Protein backbone atom coordinates (compact mmCIF):
# COMPACT_ATOMS: atom_id res chain seq x y z
CA MET A 1 -32.75 -78.44 116.62
CA LEU A 2 -33.62 -74.71 117.86
CA ASN A 3 -34.17 -72.18 115.17
CA PRO A 4 -31.96 -69.08 115.47
CA SER A 5 -33.91 -67.17 117.78
CA GLU A 6 -33.30 -69.80 120.38
CA ALA A 7 -29.87 -70.59 119.67
CA ALA A 8 -28.52 -67.17 120.32
CA LEU A 9 -30.76 -66.76 123.40
CA LEU A 10 -29.42 -69.99 124.69
CA SER A 11 -26.16 -68.70 123.73
CA VAL A 12 -26.40 -65.79 125.75
CA VAL A 13 -27.73 -66.94 128.53
CA VAL A 14 -24.34 -69.71 128.54
CA ALA A 15 -22.59 -66.47 128.37
CA LEU A 16 -23.76 -64.87 131.03
CA LEU A 17 -23.55 -67.30 133.22
CA SER A 18 -19.97 -68.02 132.42
CA VAL A 19 -19.39 -64.57 133.55
CA ILE A 20 -20.91 -64.82 136.57
CA VAL A 21 -19.25 -68.48 137.78
CA THR A 22 -15.50 -66.68 136.44
CA ALA A 23 -16.43 -63.67 138.79
CA VAL A 24 -17.36 -65.76 142.04
CA ILE A 25 -14.33 -67.84 141.09
CA LYS A 26 -12.04 -64.79 140.78
CA ASP A 27 -13.26 -63.12 144.24
CA LYS A 28 -12.55 -66.46 145.91
CA THR A 29 -8.97 -67.27 144.65
CA TYR A 30 -7.43 -63.36 144.81
CA VAL A 31 -7.00 -61.66 148.03
CA THR A 32 -6.75 -58.54 149.00
CA LYS A 33 -2.97 -56.43 149.60
CA ASN A 34 -4.01 -56.67 153.00
CA GLU A 35 -4.96 -59.97 153.39
CA CYS A 36 -1.87 -60.73 151.71
CA SER A 37 0.09 -59.15 154.35
CA ILE A 38 -1.28 -60.03 156.99
CA ILE A 39 -0.87 -64.19 155.66
CA GLN A 40 2.95 -62.98 155.04
CA GLN A 41 3.48 -62.06 158.91
CA LYS A 42 1.93 -64.47 160.23
CA GLN A 43 3.93 -66.86 157.84
CA CYS A 44 7.29 -65.12 158.86
CA ALA A 45 6.00 -65.22 162.46
CA GLU A 46 5.56 -69.24 161.95
CA SER A 47 8.76 -69.54 160.65
CA LYS A 48 10.88 -67.40 163.56
CA ALA A 49 8.63 -69.70 165.72
CA ILE A 50 10.42 -72.72 164.15
CA ARG A 51 13.99 -70.57 164.27
CA ASP A 52 13.89 -70.58 167.55
CA GLU A 53 12.98 -73.83 168.37
CA LEU A 54 15.26 -75.19 166.76
CA SER A 55 18.33 -72.96 167.70
CA SER A 56 17.42 -74.20 171.34
CA ALA A 57 17.05 -77.29 170.25
CA LYS A 58 20.38 -77.65 168.74
CA GLY A 59 21.72 -75.91 172.05
CA THR A 60 19.99 -78.65 174.00
CA MET A 61 21.45 -81.47 171.95
CA ALA A 62 25.27 -79.89 172.20
CA VAL A 63 25.02 -79.62 175.55
CA ASN A 64 23.68 -83.65 176.21
CA LEU A 65 26.16 -84.59 173.79
CA ARG A 66 29.23 -83.17 176.32
CA MET A 67 27.52 -84.38 178.84
CA THR A 68 27.48 -87.88 177.30
CA ARG A 69 31.14 -87.45 176.00
CA ALA A 70 32.47 -86.21 179.78
CA LEU A 71 30.67 -89.30 181.37
CA ILE A 72 32.19 -91.99 178.88
CA THR A 73 35.49 -90.33 179.66
CA TYR A 74 35.47 -90.93 183.36
CA SER A 75 34.06 -94.24 183.32
CA ASP A 76 35.58 -96.82 183.85
CA MET A 77 35.22 -98.48 180.33
CA PRO A 78 38.59 -100.21 178.80
CA LYS A 79 40.46 -97.58 177.01
CA ASP A 80 40.16 -98.70 173.81
CA VAL A 81 36.15 -99.39 174.06
CA LYS A 82 36.08 -95.19 174.79
CA GLU A 83 38.25 -94.09 172.30
CA GLU A 84 36.12 -96.19 169.64
CA VAL A 85 32.66 -94.93 171.42
CA LEU A 86 34.26 -91.16 171.69
CA ASN A 87 35.63 -91.35 167.98
CA ASP A 88 33.18 -92.35 166.23
CA ARG A 89 30.87 -90.15 163.68
């Protein structure tokens, strides 16, 4: 067993280690206000790039759909097949 002075010394060492570990972890989990602003700007730029790309893709898909519908409309398929294809959702 430990005598009272050894137990006190051991508890002080454990407390100091706890403080040091907490300080190291705290430094790694928090960012400065400037770092937060930089991260936010990067995320906003990425979101805008994704929105722009989706918008472009939607435009391309709309053009492709109109072209396909026109090809079907003017093809020599039977009328009932054309109606079925063009009215399919």
